[in-house]
Amino acid sequence: MDPGHGYPRHTHRGVETVLVLQGGYRDERGEHRAGDFVDYADGTTHAPVALLGDRPCVLLALAHEGVLLAS
């Protein structure tokens, strides 16, 4: 994600595991930076936004059952 941009609000169907590879993002659980692992439980809703700075946020995200975009 480019700095200041994000992913639409969504709800997890099953567990999602995220490894932040570069940069960072913020969501309802706080700020997450390069090297952080973040787990989201089934049913968790959030809207991640990349932190401001000179580097985009690069993630490895495993959404085991997919996501539902909020309407």
Protein backbone atom coordinates (compact mmCIF):
# COMPACT_ATOMS: atom_id res chain seq x y z
CA MET A 1 0.00 0.00 0.00
CA ASP A 2 1.31 3.45 -0.83
CA PRO A 3 1.84 5.74 2.20
CA GLY A 4 -1.49 7.14 3.42
CA HIS A 5 -3.53 4.69 1.33
CA GLY A 6 -5.31 1.61 2.56
CA TYR A 7 -7.39 -1.45 1.97
CA PRO A 8 -11.20 -1.20 2.26
CA ARG A 9 -12.87 -2.12 5.55
CA HIS A 10 -13.37 -5.87 5.59
CA THR A 11 -14.31 -8.76 7.86
CA HIS A 12 -12.24 -11.91 8.09
CA ARG A 13 -13.78 -15.29 7.40
CA GLY A 14 -11.43 -17.44 9.40
CA VAL A 15 -8.04 -16.44 10.76
CA GLU A 16 -5.73 -14.01 8.95
CA THR A 17 -2.00 -13.90 9.68
CA VAL A 18 0.05 -10.89 8.53
CA LEU A 19 3.81 -10.38 8.35
CA VAL A 20 4.82 -6.77 7.68
CA LEU A 21 7.78 -6.92 5.29
CA GLN A 22 8.37 -3.20 4.69
CA GLY A 23 6.97 0.07 6.03
CA GLY A 24 3.96 -0.30 8.26
CA TYR A 25 0.23 0.23 8.67
CA ARG A 26 -2.30 1.26 11.27
CA ASP A 27 -5.74 -0.09 12.00
CA GLU A 28 -8.13 -0.44 14.91
CA ARG A 29 -5.49 -2.45 16.82
CA GLY A 30 -2.72 0.15 16.52
CA GLU A 31 0.44 0.49 14.43
CA HIS A 32 2.26 -2.46 12.92
CA ARG A 33 5.77 -2.09 11.47
CA ALA A 34 8.28 -4.11 9.47
CA GLY A 35 9.01 -7.40 11.22
CA ASP A 36 5.69 -7.52 13.10
CA PHE A 37 3.40 -10.56 12.97
CA VAL A 38 -0.29 -9.77 13.47
CA ASP A 39 -3.09 -12.33 13.84
CA TYR A 40 -6.73 -11.46 13.25
CA ALA A 41 -9.43 -13.80 14.54
CA ASP A 42 -12.41 -15.02 12.56
CA GLY A 43 -15.00 -12.22 12.38
CA THR A 44 -12.47 -9.40 12.95
CA THR A 45 -13.25 -6.21 11.00
CA HIS A 46 -10.62 -3.60 10.19
CA ALA A 47 -9.47 -1.06 7.59
CA PRO A 48 -5.65 -0.94 7.37
CA VAL A 49 -3.93 2.26 6.15
CA ALA A 50 -0.22 2.48 5.31
CA LEU A 51 1.82 4.73 7.58
CA LEU A 52 3.04 8.00 6.13
CA GLY A 53 6.68 7.97 5.06
CA ASP A 54 8.83 7.36 2.03
CA ARG A 55 8.26 3.61 1.72
CA PRO A 56 5.11 1.71 0.80
CA CYS A 57 3.76 -0.93 3.15
CA VAL A 58 4.45 -4.45 1.89
CA LEU A 59 2.66 -7.35 3.59
CA LEU A 60 2.45 -11.09 3.42
CA ALA A 61 -1.16 -11.75 4.41
CA LEU A 62 -2.69 -15.21 4.67
CA ALA A 63 -6.47 -14.95 4.85
CA HIS A 64 -7.31 -18.61 5.29
CA GLU A 65 -11.04 -18.34 4.51
CA GLY A 66 -11.03 -15.02 2.63
CA VAL A 67 -12.64 -11.71 3.53
CA LEU A 68 -15.98 -9.97 3.12
CA LEU A 69 -15.83 -6.32 2.10
CA ALA A 70 -17.97 -4.08 4.30
CA SER A 71 -20.77 -2.29 2.52
